[in-house]
Amino acid sequence: MRVLFFFFTLFLFIFAVSGLVAYFFIFQNLPDPHLLKDYKSVALSTHIYDRNGQLLYEIFRDQNRTPITLKDLPSYVYQATIAVEDKDFYRHQGVSLTSGVLRAMREIVFNRSFQG
């Protein structure tokens, strides 16, 4: 029973410390979300169509700046993003204490480097 109490207390302590670290190091440096209402959209490609509505050209320097919706993205874009960000995403249901949270805390405390 004492071992269970010890681990429960340890868990609460780690949870509280991680919350304090997140507040003091991360949340205080976030940009003001109220500034999003003044956000100006990025410049988009100019589309040139023929008289039948067929797209002839998209012009914007050397880039394609045509907005699309998330549902129009192919499934491999989702899969590639998850593979790059967290290869074990489907094993830990989104939160990995060992390889995610503890690594991020270590980087923040010792290296002053913020993690995603």
PDB file of N, CA and C in Angstrom:
ATOM      1  N   MET A   1       0.819  -1.191   0.000  1.00  0.00           N
ATOM      2  CA  MET A   1       0.000   0.000   0.000  1.00  0.00           C
ATOM      3  C   MET A   1       0.867   1.261   0.000  1.00  0.00           C
ATOM      4  N   ARG A   2       1.986   1.218   0.713  1.00  0.00           N
ATOM      5  CA  ARG A   2       2.875   2.375   0.754  1.00  0.00           C
ATOM      6  C   ARG A   2       3.526   2.616  -0.611  1.00  0.00           C
ATOM      7  N   VAL A   3       3.817   1.533  -1.316  1.00  0.00           N
ATOM      8  CA  VAL A   3       4.420   1.678  -2.643  1.00  0.00           C
ATOM      9  C   VAL A   3       3.446   2.360  -3.588  1.00  0.00           C
ATOM     10  N   LEU A   4       2.185   1.966  -3.529  1.00  0.00           N
ATOM     11  CA  LEU A   4       1.157   2.580  -4.362  1.00  0.00           C
ATOM     12  C   LEU A   4       1.003   4.061  -4.019  1.00  0.00           C
ATOM     13  N   PHE A   5       1.004   4.377  -2.742  1.00  0.00           N
ATOM     14  CA  PHE A   5       0.914   5.769  -2.307  1.00  0.00           C
ATOM     15  C   PHE A   5       2.128   6.572  -2.791  1.00  0.00           C
ATOM     16  N   PHE A   6       3.309   5.961  -2.731  1.00  0.00           N
ATOM     17  CA  PHE A   6       4.525   6.627  -3.185  1.00  0.00           C
ATOM     18  C   PHE A   6       4.443   6.963  -4.673  1.00  0.00           C
ATOM     19  N   PHE A   7       4.031   5.994  -5.481  1.00  0.00           N
ATOM     20  CA  PHE A   7       3.957   6.234  -6.922  1.00  0.00           C
ATOM     21  C   PHE A   7       2.863   7.237  -7.272  1.00  0.00           C
ATOM     22  N   PHE A   8       1.770   7.195  -6.544  1.00  0.00           N
ATOM     23  CA  PHE A   8       0.705   8.168  -6.765  1.00  0.00           C
ATOM     24  C   PHE A   8       1.190   9.577  -6.419  1.00  0.00           C
ATOM     25  N   THR A   9       1.889   9.713  -5.310  1.00  0.00           N
ATOM     26  CA  THR A   9       2.443  11.008  -4.908  1.00  0.00           C
ATOM     27  C   THR A   9       3.479  11.483  -5.913  1.00  0.00           C
ATOM     28  N   LEU A  10       4.317  10.588  -6.377  1.00  0.00           N
ATOM     29  CA  LEU A  10       5.327  10.929  -7.373  1.00  0.00           C
ATOM     30  C   LEU A  10       4.672  11.402  -8.667  1.00  0.00           C
ATOM     31  N   PHE A  11       3.628  10.707  -9.086  1.00  0.00           N
ATOM     32  CA  PHE A  11       2.900  11.100 -10.290  1.00  0.00           C
ATOM     33  C   PHE A  11       2.300  12.492 -10.127  1.00  0.00           C
ATOM     34  N   LEU A  12       1.672  12.770  -8.988  1.00  0.00           N
ATOM     35  CA  LEU A  12       1.093  14.086  -8.753  1.00  0.00           C
ATOM     36  C   LEU A  12       2.166  15.174  -8.735  1.00  0.00           C
ATOM     37  N   PHE A  13       3.317  14.870  -8.154  1.00  0.00           N
ATOM     38  CA  PHE A  13       4.406  15.831  -8.113  1.00  0.00           C
ATOM     39  C   PHE A  13       4.908  16.147  -9.517  1.00  0.00           C
ATOM     40  N   ILE A  14       5.130  15.112 -10.327  1.00  0.00           N
ATOM     41  CA  ILE A  14       5.593  15.312 -11.703  1.00  0.00           C
ATOM     42  C   ILE A  14       4.553  16.088 -12.510  1.00  0.00           C
ATOM     43  N   PHE A  15       3.290  15.763 -12.304  1.00  0.00           N
ATOM     44  CA  PHE A  15       2.210  16.453 -13.008  1.00  0.00           C
ATOM     45  C   PHE A  15       2.185  17.935 -12.628  1.00  0.00           C
ATOM     46  N   ALA A  16       2.322  18.227 -11.350  1.00  0.00           N
ATOM     47  CA  ALA A  16       2.312  19.616 -10.891  1.00  0.00           C
ATOM     48  C   ALA A  16       3.528  20.374 -11.407  1.00  0.00           C
ATOM     49  N   VAL A  17       4.702  19.760 -11.347  1.00  0.00           N
ATOM     50  CA  VAL A  17       5.920  20.425 -11.818  1.00  0.00           C
ATOM     51  C   VAL A  17       5.844  20.661 -13.320  1.00  0.00           C
ATOM     52  N   SER A  18       5.352  19.702 -14.071  1.00  0.00           N
ATOM     53  CA  SER A  18       5.254  19.901 -15.519  1.00  0.00           C
ATOM     54  C   SER A  18       4.263  21.013 -15.846  1.00  0.00           C
ATOM     55  N   GLY A  19       3.196  21.131 -15.068  1.00  0.00           N
ATOM     56  CA  GLY A  19       2.256  22.231 -15.271  1.00  0.00           C
ATOM     57  C   GLY A  19       2.900  23.574 -14.998  1.00  0.00           C
ATOM     58  N   LEU A  20       3.683  23.665 -13.942  1.00  0.00           N
ATOM     59  CA  LEU A  20       4.379  24.915 -13.633  1.00  0.00           C
ATOM     60  C   LEU A  20       5.419  25.260 -14.699  1.00  0.00           C
ATOM     61  N   VAL A  21       6.154  24.246 -15.152  1.00  0.00           N
ATOM     62  CA  VAL A  21       7.147  24.476 -16.210  1.00  0.00           C
ATOM     63  C   VAL A  21       6.455  24.960 -17.476  1.00  0.00           C
ATOM     64  N   ALA A  22       5.351  24.322 -17.830  1.00  0.00           N
ATOM     65  CA  ALA A  22       4.608  24.735 -19.019  1.00  0.00           C
ATOM     66  C   ALA A  22       4.118  26.164 -18.878  1.00  0.00           C
ATOM     67  N   TYR A  23       3.633  26.528 -17.711  1.00  0.00           N
ATOM     68  CA  TYR A  23       3.119  27.881 -17.522  1.00  0.00           C
ATOM     69  C   TYR A  23       4.229  28.918 -17.622  1.00  0.00           C
ATOM     70  N   PHE A  24       5.321  28.709 -16.906  1.00  0.00           N
ATOM     71  CA  PHE A  24       6.361  29.731 -16.846  1.00  0.00           C
ATOM     72  C   PHE A  24       7.222  29.808 -18.102  1.00  0.00           C
ATOM     73  N   PHE A  25       7.451  28.699 -18.768  1.00  0.00           N
ATOM     74  CA  PHE A  25       8.357  28.709 -19.909  1.00  0.00           C
ATOM     75  C   PHE A  25       7.649  28.762 -21.253  1.00  0.00           C
ATOM     76  N   ILE A  26       6.451  28.232 -21.329  1.00  0.00           N
ATOM     77  CA  ILE A  26       5.794  28.128 -22.628  1.00  0.00           C
ATOM     78  C   ILE A  26       4.629  29.103 -22.748  1.00  0.00           C
ATOM     79  N   PHE A  27       3.663  29.020 -21.851  1.00  0.00           N
ATOM     80  CA  PHE A  27       2.436  29.785 -22.011  1.00  0.00           C
ATOM     81  C   PHE A  27       2.649  31.284 -21.928  1.00  0.00           C
ATOM     82  N   GLN A  28       3.657  31.736 -21.197  1.00  0.00           N
ATOM     83  CA  GLN A  28       3.883  33.170 -21.106  1.00  0.00           C
ATOM     84  C   GLN A  28       4.499  33.730 -22.384  1.00  0.00           C
ATOM     85  N   ASN A  29       5.070  32.893 -23.236  1.00  0.00           N
ATOM     86  CA  ASN A  29       5.711  33.357 -24.463  1.00  0.00           C
ATOM     87  C   ASN A  29       4.836  33.182 -25.702  1.00  0.00           C
ATOM     88  N   LEU A  30       3.602  32.747 -25.533  1.00  0.00           N
ATOM     89  CA  LEU A  30       2.718  32.559 -26.680  1.00  0.00           C
ATOM     90  C   LEU A  30       2.214  33.899 -27.193  1.00  0.00           C
ATOM     91  N   PRO A  31       1.980  34.013 -28.489  1.00  0.00           N
ATOM     92  CA  PRO A  31       1.432  35.263 -29.021  1.00  0.00           C
ATOM     93  C   PRO A  31      -0.018  35.446 -28.580  1.00  0.00           C
ATOM     94  N   ASP A  32      -0.470  36.659 -28.604  1.00  0.00           N
ATOM     95  CA  ASP A  32      -1.829  36.990 -28.194  1.00  0.00           C
ATOM     96  C   ASP A  32      -2.817  36.467 -29.243  1.00  0.00           C
ATOM     97  N   PRO A  33      -3.754  35.591 -28.861  1.00  0.00           N
ATOM     98  CA  PRO A  33      -4.700  35.058 -29.852  1.00  0.00           C
ATOM     99  C   PRO A  33      -5.663  36.117 -30.386  1.00  0.00           C
ATOM    100  N   HIS A  34      -5.817  37.227 -29.685  1.00  0.00           N
ATOM    101  CA  HIS A  34      -6.701  38.287 -30.167  1.00  0.00           C
ATOM    102  C   HIS A  34      -6.136  38.973 -31.415  1.00  0.00           C
ATOM    103  N   LEU A  35      -4.834  38.785 -31.674  1.00  0.00           N
ATOM    104  CA  LEU A  35      -4.227  39.380 -32.866  1.00  0.00           C
ATOM    105  C   LEU A  35      -4.634  38.646 -34.144  1.00  0.00           C
ATOM    106  N   LEU A  36      -5.218  37.441 -34.016  1.00  0.00           N
ATOM    107  CA  LEU A  36      -5.622  36.684 -35.204  1.00  0.00           C
ATOM    108  C   LEU A  36      -6.727  37.375 -35.984  1.00  0.00           C
ATOM    109  N   LYS A  37      -7.542  38.178 -35.309  1.00  0.00           N
ATOM    110  CA  LYS A  37      -8.615  38.862 -36.034  1.00  0.00           C
ATOM    111  C   LYS A  37      -8.068  39.900 -37.009  1.00  0.00           C
ATOM    112  N   ASP A  38      -6.827  40.380 -36.773  1.00  0.00           N
ATOM    113  CA  ASP A  38      -6.208  41.343 -37.659  1.00  0.00           C
ATOM    114  C   ASP A  38      -5.280  40.688 -38.680  1.00  0.00           C
ATOM    115  N   TYR A  39      -5.290  39.350 -38.755  1.00  0.00           N
ATOM    116  CA  TYR A  39      -4.407  38.613 -39.658  1.00  0.00           C
ATOM    117  C   TYR A  39      -4.765  38.889 -41.104  1.00  0.00           C
ATOM    118  N   LYS A  40      -3.777  39.253 -41.877  1.00  0.00           N
ATOM    119  CA  LYS A  40      -3.979  39.464 -43.308  1.00  0.00           C
ATOM    120  C   LYS A  40      -3.537  38.212 -44.050  1.00  0.00           C
ATOM    121  N   SER A  41      -4.351  37.756 -44.951  1.00  0.00           N
ATOM    122  CA  SER A  41      -4.047  36.517 -45.656  1.00  0.00           C
ATOM    123  C   SER A  41      -2.809  36.677 -46.534  1.00  0.00           C
ATOM    124  N   VAL A  42      -2.173  35.567 -46.820  1.00  0.00           N
ATOM    125  CA  VAL A  42      -0.991  35.572 -47.676  1.00  0.00           C
ATOM    126  C   VAL A  42      -1.423  35.779 -49.123  1.00  0.00           C
ATOM    127  N   ALA A  43      -0.504  36.269 -49.921  1.00  0.00           N
ATOM    128  CA  ALA A  43      -0.787  36.480 -51.339  1.00  0.00           C
ATOM    129  C   ALA A  43      -1.009  35.138 -52.020  1.00  0.00           C
ATOM    130  N   LEU A  44      -2.004  35.066 -52.873  1.00  0.00           N
ATOM    131  CA  LEU A  44      -2.353  33.821 -53.566  1.00  0.00           C
ATOM    132  C   LEU A  44      -1.963  33.904 -55.038  1.00  0.00           C
ATOM    133  N   SER A  45      -1.925  32.733 -55.661  1.00  0.00           N
ATOM    134  CA  SER A  45      -1.638  32.666 -57.092  1.00  0.00           C
ATOM    135  C   SER A  45      -2.766  33.310 -57.893  1.00  0.00           C
ATOM    136  N   THR A  46      -2.390  33.921 -59.003  1.00  0.00           N
ATOM    137  CA  THR A  46      -3.375  34.440 -59.946  1.00  0.00           C
ATOM    138  C   THR A  46      -3.742  33.319 -60.904  1.00  0.00           C
ATOM    139  N   HIS A  47      -5.032  33.087 -61.080  1.00  0.00           N
ATOM    140  CA  HIS A  47      -5.503  32.038 -61.982  1.00  0.00           C
ATOM    141  C   HIS A  47      -6.012  32.679 -63.266  1.00  0.00           C
ATOM    142  N   ILE A  48      -5.513  32.179 -64.371  1.00  0.00           N
ATOM    143  CA  ILE A  48      -5.945  32.668 -65.683  1.00  0.00           C
ATOM    144  C   ILE A  48      -6.694  31.540 -66.377  1.00  0.00           C
ATOM    145  N   TYR A  49      -7.961  31.824 -66.754  1.00  0.00           N
ATOM    146  CA  TYR A  49      -8.835  30.830 -67.371  1.00  0.00           C
ATOM    147  C   TYR A  49      -9.111  31.200 -68.824  1.00  0.00           C
ATOM    148  N   ASP A  50      -9.433  30.203 -69.627  1.00  0.00           N
ATOM    149  CA  ASP A  50      -9.884  30.491 -70.990  1.00  0.00           C
ATOM    150  C   ASP A  50     -11.387  30.741 -70.971  1.00  0.00           C
ATOM    151  N   ARG A  51     -11.960  31.004 -72.128  1.00  0.00           N
ATOM    152  CA  ARG A  51     -13.380  31.341 -72.186  1.00  0.00           C
ATOM    153  C   ARG A  51     -14.301  30.193 -71.785  1.00  0.00           C
ATOM    154  N   ASN A  52     -13.771  28.944 -71.765  1.00  0.00           N
ATOM    155  CA  ASN A  52     -14.584  27.796 -71.374  1.00  0.00           C
ATOM    156  C   ASN A  52     -14.422  27.433 -69.895  1.00  0.00           C
ATOM    157  N   GLY A  53     -13.662  28.226 -69.187  1.00  0.00           N
ATOM    158  CA  GLY A  53     -13.476  27.961 -67.762  1.00  0.00           C
ATOM    159  C   GLY A  53     -12.329  27.022 -67.441  1.00  0.00           C
ATOM    160  N   GLN A  54     -11.531  26.650 -68.433  1.00  0.00           N
ATOM    161  CA  GLN A  54     -10.374  25.792 -68.203  1.00  0.00           C
ATOM    162  C   GLN A  54      -9.212  26.623 -67.664  1.00  0.00           C
ATOM    163  N   LEU A  55      -8.562  26.110 -66.626  1.00  0.00           N
ATOM    164  CA  LEU A  55      -7.422  26.814 -66.044  1.00  0.00           C
ATOM    165  C   LEU A  55      -6.233  26.722 -66.995  1.00  0.00           C
ATOM    166  N   LEU A  56      -5.691  27.891 -67.379  1.00  0.00           N
ATOM    167  CA  LEU A  56      -4.536  27.925 -68.265  1.00  0.00           C
ATOM    168  C   LEU A  56      -3.235  28.086 -67.480  1.00  0.00           C
ATOM    169  N   TYR A  57      -3.200  29.056 -66.556  1.00  0.00           N
ATOM    170  CA  TYR A  57      -1.974  29.359 -65.816  1.00  0.00           C
ATOM    171  C   TYR A  57      -2.284  29.693 -64.369  1.00  0.00           C
ATOM    172  N   GLU A  58      -1.312  29.372 -63.516  1.00  0.00           N
ATOM    173  CA  GLU A  58      -1.302  29.860 -62.142  1.00  0.00           C
ATOM    174  C   GLU A  58      -0.005  30.629 -61.983  1.00  0.00           C
ATOM    175  N   ILE A  59      -0.109  31.884 -61.612  1.00  0.00           N
ATOM    176  CA  ILE A  59       1.071  32.738 -61.566  1.00  0.00           C
ATOM    177  C   ILE A  59       1.283  33.257 -60.146  1.00  0.00           C
ATOM    178  N   PHE A  60       2.428  32.953 -59.570  1.00  0.00           N
ATOM    179  CA  PHE A  60       2.916  33.580 -58.339  1.00  0.00           C
ATOM    180  C   PHE A  60       4.362  33.174 -58.170  1.00  0.00           C
ATOM    181  N   ARG A  61       5.246  33.905 -58.717  1.00  0.00           N
ATOM    182  CA  ARG A  61       6.679  33.631 -58.661  1.00  0.00           C
ATOM    183  C   ARG A  61       6.939  32.160 -58.992  1.00  0.00           C
ATOM    184  N   ASP A  62       7.729  31.486 -58.138  1.00  0.00           N
ATOM    185  CA  ASP A  62       8.028  30.063 -58.377  1.00  0.00           C
ATOM    186  C   ASP A  62       7.223  29.155 -57.452  1.00  0.00           C
ATOM    187  N   GLN A  63       6.110  29.637 -56.947  1.00  0.00           N
ATOM    188  CA  GLN A  63       5.332  28.884 -55.972  1.00  0.00           C
ATOM    189  C   GLN A  63       3.906  28.701 -56.455  1.00  0.00           C
ATOM    190  N   ASN A  64       3.244  27.700 -55.884  1.00  0.00           N
ATOM    191  CA  ASN A  64       1.823  27.498 -56.118  1.00  0.00           C
ATOM    192  C   ASN A  64       1.107  27.876 -54.839  1.00  0.00           C
ATOM    193  N   ARG A  65       0.389  28.977 -54.862  1.00  0.00           N
ATOM    194  CA  ARG A  65      -0.289  29.454 -53.671  1.00  0.00           C
ATOM    195  C   ARG A  65      -1.798  29.372 -53.849  1.00  0.00           C
ATOM    196  N   THR A  66      -2.298  28.208 -54.107  1.00  0.00           N
ATOM    197  CA  THR A  66      -3.725  28.003 -54.247  1.00  0.00           C
ATOM    198  C   THR A  66      -4.242  27.339 -52.980  1.00  0.00           C
ATOM    199  N   PRO A  67      -5.140  27.988 -52.248  1.00  0.00           N
ATOM    200  CA  PRO A  67      -5.635  27.377 -51.013  1.00  0.00           C
ATOM    201  C   PRO A  67      -6.518  26.163 -51.309  1.00  0.00           C
ATOM    202  N   ILE A  68      -6.419  25.171 -50.440  1.00  0.00           N
ATOM    203  CA  ILE A  68      -7.279  23.992 -50.525  1.00  0.00           C
ATOM    204  C   ILE A  68      -7.822  23.716 -49.131  1.00  0.00           C
ATOM    205  N   THR A  69      -8.865  22.928 -49.051  1.00  0.00           N
ATOM    206  CA  THR A  69      -9.419  22.544 -47.753  1.00  0.00           C
ATOM    207  C   THR A  69      -8.738  21.275 -47.263  1.00  0.00           C
ATOM    208  N   LEU A  70      -8.821  21.012 -45.976  1.00  0.00           N
ATOM    209  CA  LEU A  70      -8.193  19.822 -45.402  1.00  0.00           C
ATOM    210  C   LEU A  70      -8.749  18.533 -45.992  1.00  0.00           C
ATOM    211  N   LYS A  71     -10.027  18.525 -46.302  1.00  0.00           N
ATOM    212  CA  LYS A  71     -10.623  17.295 -46.848  1.00  0.00           C
ATOM    213  C   LYS A  71     -10.105  16.972 -48.245  1.00  0.00           C
ATOM    214  N   ASP A  72      -9.525  17.967 -48.939  1.00  0.00           N
ATOM    215  CA  ASP A  72      -8.973  17.743 -50.272  1.00  0.00           C
ATOM    216  C   ASP A  72      -7.556  17.180 -50.249  1.00  0.00           C
ATOM    217  N   LEU A  73      -6.927  17.135 -49.070  1.00  0.00           N
ATOM    218  CA  LEU A  73      -5.578  16.575 -48.976  1.00  0.00           C
ATOM    219  C   LEU A  73      -5.619  15.064 -49.130  1.00  0.00           C
ATOM    220  N   PRO A  74      -4.674  14.474 -49.820  1.00  0.00           N
ATOM    221  CA  PRO A  74      -4.626  13.015 -49.924  1.00  0.00           C
ATOM    222  C   PRO A  74      -4.281  12.391 -48.571  1.00  0.00           C
ATOM    223  N   SER A  75      -4.667  11.151 -48.376  1.00  0.00           N
ATOM    224  CA  SER A  75      -4.445  10.488 -47.084  1.00  0.00           C
ATOM    225  C   SER A  75      -2.959  10.337 -46.769  1.00  0.00           C
ATOM    226  N   TYR A  76      -2.112  10.229 -47.778  1.00  0.00           N
ATOM    227  CA  TYR A  76      -0.682  10.057 -47.492  1.00  0.00           C
ATOM    228  C   TYR A  76      -0.070  11.308 -46.854  1.00  0.00           C
ATOM    229  N   VAL A  77      -0.685  12.466 -47.013  1.00  0.00           N
ATOM    230  CA  VAL A  77      -0.189  13.671 -46.342  1.00  0.00           C
ATOM    231  C   VAL A  77      -0.393  13.547 -44.838  1.00  0.00           C
ATOM    232  N   TYR A  78      -1.569  13.056 -44.423  1.00  0.00           N
ATOM    233  CA  TYR A  78      -1.819  12.816 -42.999  1.00  0.00           C
ATOM    234  C   TYR A  78      -0.837  11.779 -42.458  1.00  0.00           C
ATOM    235  N   GLN A  79      -0.688  10.685 -43.187  1.00  0.00           N
ATOM    236  CA  GLN A  79       0.183   9.600 -42.730  1.00  0.00           C
ATOM    237  C   GLN A  79       1.633  10.057 -42.630  1.00  0.00           C
ATOM    238  N   ALA A  80       2.097  10.834 -43.592  1.00  0.00           N
ATOM    239  CA  ALA A  80       3.476  11.326 -43.564  1.00  0.00           C
ATOM    240  C   ALA A  80       3.684  12.289 -42.405  1.00  0.00           C
ATOM    241  N   THR A  81       2.713  13.134 -42.141  1.00  0.00           N
ATOM    242  CA  THR A  81       2.828  14.082 -41.033  1.00  0.00           C
ATOM    243  C   THR A  81       2.918  13.357 -39.702  1.00  0.00           C
ATOM    244  N   ILE A  82       2.088  12.360 -39.496  1.00  0.00           N
ATOM    245  CA  ILE A  82       2.128  11.589 -38.254  1.00  0.00           C
ATOM    246  C   ILE A  82       3.431  10.811 -38.157  1.00  0.00           C
ATOM    247  N   ALA A  83       3.906  10.254 -39.267  1.00  0.00           N
ATOM    248  CA  ALA A  83       5.155   9.489 -39.248  1.00  0.00           C
ATOM    249  C   ALA A  83       6.343  10.373 -38.885  1.00  0.00           C
ATOM    250  N   VAL A  84       6.364  11.596 -39.380  1.00  0.00           N
ATOM    251  CA  VAL A  84       7.469  12.498 -39.087  1.00  0.00           C
ATOM    252  C   VAL A  84       7.389  13.012 -37.655  1.00  0.00           C
ATOM    253  N   GLU A  85       6.208  13.358 -37.203  1.00  0.00           N
ATOM    254  CA  GLU A  85       6.049  13.945 -35.875  1.00  0.00           C
ATOM    255  C   GLU A  85       6.150  12.916 -34.754  1.00  0.00           C
ATOM    256  N   ASP A  86       5.502  11.766 -34.908  1.00  0.00           N
ATOM    257  CA  ASP A  86       5.472  10.793 -33.819  1.00  0.00           C
ATOM    258  C   ASP A  86       5.163   9.407 -34.391  1.00  0.00           C
ATOM    259  N   LYS A  87       6.189   8.600 -34.535  1.00  0.00           N
ATOM    260  CA  LYS A  87       6.013   7.280 -35.151  1.00  0.00           C
ATOM    261  C   LYS A  87       5.167   6.336 -34.298  1.00  0.00           C
ATOM    262  N   ASP A  88       5.061   6.591 -32.993  1.00  0.00           N
ATOM    263  CA  ASP A  88       4.282   5.737 -32.098  1.00  0.00           C
ATOM    264  C   ASP A  88       2.917   6.327 -31.768  1.00  0.00           C
ATOM    265  N   PHE A  89       2.414   7.236 -32.586  1.00  0.00           N
ATOM    266  CA  PHE A  89       1.169   7.942 -32.295  1.00  0.00           C
ATOM    267  C   PHE A  89       0.001   6.990 -32.031  1.00  0.00           C
ATOM    268  N   TYR A  90      -0.128   5.957 -32.830  1.00  0.00           N
ATOM    269  CA  TYR A  90      -1.264   5.040 -32.680  1.00  0.00           C
ATOM    270  C   TYR A  90      -1.070   4.045 -31.548  1.00  0.00           C
ATOM    271  N   ARG A  91       0.086   4.011 -30.928  1.00  0.00           N
ATOM    272  CA  ARG A  91       0.332   3.108 -29.797  1.00  0.00           C
ATOM    273  C   ARG A  91       0.011   3.747 -28.452  1.00  0.00           C
ATOM    274  N   HIS A  92       0.113   5.070 -28.357  1.00  0.00           N
ATOM    275  CA  HIS A  92      -0.088   5.710 -27.058  1.00  0.00           C
ATOM    276  C   HIS A  92      -1.260   6.695 -27.048  1.00  0.00           C
ATOM    277  N   GLN A  93      -2.102   6.677 -28.021  1.00  0.00           N
ATOM    278  CA  GLN A  93      -3.316   7.482 -28.103  1.00  0.00           C
ATOM    279  C   GLN A  93      -3.056   8.983 -27.997  1.00  0.00           C
ATOM    280  N   GLY A  94      -1.914   9.455 -28.465  1.00  0.00           N
ATOM    281  CA  GLY A  94      -1.684  10.882 -28.570  1.00  0.00           C
ATOM    282  C   GLY A  94      -0.754  11.500 -27.551  1.00  0.00           C
ATOM    283  N   VAL A  95      -0.534  10.864 -26.402  1.00  0.00           N
ATOM    284  CA  VAL A  95       0.360  11.429 -25.384  1.00  0.00           C
ATOM    285  C   VAL A  95       1.348  10.362 -24.963  1.00  0.00           C
ATOM    286  N   SER A  96       2.618  10.618 -25.206  1.00  0.00           N
ATOM    287  CA  SER A  96       3.673   9.702 -24.807  1.00  0.00           C
ATOM    288  C   SER A  96       4.451  10.330 -23.660  1.00  0.00           C
ATOM    289  N   LEU A  97       4.309   9.764 -22.455  1.00  0.00           N
ATOM    290  CA  LEU A  97       4.991  10.328 -21.299  1.00  0.00           C
ATOM    291  C   LEU A  97       6.497  10.178 -21.408  1.00  0.00           C
ATOM    292  N   THR A  98       6.966   9.023 -21.867  1.00  0.00           N
ATOM    293  CA  THR A  98       8.411   8.787 -21.879  1.00  0.00           C
ATOM    294  C   THR A  98       9.105   9.501 -23.025  1.00  0.00           C
ATOM    295  N   SER A  99       8.647   9.308 -24.233  1.00  0.00           N
ATOM    296  CA  SER A  99       9.373   9.892 -25.361  1.00  0.00           C
ATOM    297  C   SER A  99       8.882  11.283 -25.725  1.00  0.00           C
ATOM    298  N   GLY A 100       7.776  11.717 -25.191  1.00  0.00           N
ATOM    299  CA  GLY A 100       7.257  13.032 -25.547  1.00  0.00           C
ATOM    300  C   GLY A 100       7.372  14.044 -24.441  1.00  0.00           C
ATOM    301  N   VAL A 101       6.602  13.843 -23.388  1.00  0.00           N
ATOM    302  CA  VAL A 101       6.509  14.833 -22.323  1.00  0.00           C
ATOM    303  C   VAL A 101       7.827  14.970 -21.573  1.00  0.00           C
ATOM    304  N   LEU A 102       8.421  13.862 -21.166  1.00  0.00           N
ATOM    305  CA  LEU A 102       9.670  13.931 -20.402  1.00  0.00           C
ATOM    306  C   LEU A 102      10.822  14.482 -21.248  1.00  0.00           C
ATOM    307  N   ARG A 103      10.877  14.106 -22.523  1.00  0.00           N
ATOM    308  CA  ARG A 103      11.908  14.648 -23.414  1.00  0.00           C
ATOM    309  C   ARG A 103      11.738  16.146 -23.576  1.00  0.00           C
ATOM    310  N   ALA A 104      10.518  16.593 -23.751  1.00  0.00           N
ATOM    311  CA  ALA A 104      10.267  18.027 -23.908  1.00  0.00           C
ATOM    312  C   ALA A 104      10.628  18.782 -22.637  1.00  0.00           C
ATOM    313  N   MET A 105      10.288  18.225 -21.487  1.00  0.00           N
ATOM    314  CA  MET A 105      10.642  18.878 -20.218  1.00  0.00           C
ATOM    315  C   MET A 105      12.156  18.962 -20.067  1.00  0.00           C
ATOM    316  N   ARG A 106      12.859  17.897 -20.411  1.00  0.00           N
ATOM    317  CA  ARG A 106      14.317  17.903 -20.313  1.00  0.00           C
ATOM    318  C   ARG A 106      14.920  18.976 -21.219  1.00  0.00           C
ATOM    319  N   GLU A 107      14.427  19.077 -22.448  1.00  0.00           N
ATOM    320  CA  GLU A 107      14.944  20.070 -23.380  1.00  0.00           C
ATOM    321  C   GLU A 107      14.657  21.494 -22.910  1.00  0.00           C
ATOM    322  N   ILE A 108      13.480  21.694 -22.353  1.00  0.00           N
ATOM    323  CA  ILE A 108      13.114  23.030 -21.886  1.00  0.00           C
ATOM    324  C   ILE A 108      13.973  23.426 -20.687  1.00  0.00           C
ATOM    325  N   VAL A 109      14.131  22.520 -19.729  1.00  0.00           N
ATOM    326  CA  VAL A 109      14.839  22.852 -18.498  1.00  0.00           C
ATOM    327  C   VAL A 109      16.340  22.970 -18.733  1.00  0.00           C
ATOM    328  N   PHE A 110      16.938  22.013 -19.412  1.00  0.00           N
ATOM    329  CA  PHE A 110      18.404  21.975 -19.532  1.00  0.00           C
ATOM    330  C   PHE A 110      18.937  22.757 -20.726  1.00  0.00           C
ATOM    331  N   ASN A 111      18.248  22.746 -21.843  1.00  0.00           N
ATOM    332  CA  ASN A 111      18.748  23.386 -23.053  1.00  0.00           C
ATOM    333  C   ASN A 111      18.018  24.675 -23.417  1.00  0.00           C
ATOM    334  N   ARG A 112      16.981  25.016 -22.684  1.00  0.00           N
ATOM    335  CA  ARG A 112      16.155  26.186 -22.976  1.00  0.00           C
ATOM    336  C   ARG A 112      15.683  26.157 -24.429  1.00  0.00           C
ATOM    337  N   SER A 113      15.380  24.958 -24.900  1.00  0.00           N
ATOM    338  CA  SER A 113      14.920  24.754 -26.257  1.00  0.00           C
ATOM    339  C   SER A 113      13.492  24.234 -26.209  1.00  0.00           C
ATOM    340  N   PHE A 114      12.573  24.936 -26.846  1.00  0.00           N
ATOM    341  CA  PHE A 114      11.174  24.533 -26.814  1.00  0.00           C
ATOM    342  C   PHE A 114      10.914  23.423 -27.815  1.00  0.00           C
ATOM    343  N   GLN A 115      10.073  22.492 -27.428  1.00  0.00           N
ATOM    344  CA  GLN A 115       9.748  21.328 -28.239  1.00  0.00           C
ATOM    345  C   GLN A 115       8.296  21.384 -28.681  1.00  0.00           C
ATOM    346  N   GLY A 116       8.010  20.773 -29.822  1.00  0.00           N
ATOM    347  CA  GLY A 116       6.645  20.718 -30.319  1.00  0.00           C
ATOM    348  C   GLY A 116       5.899  19.538 -29.775  1.00  0.00           C
TER     349      GLY A 116
END
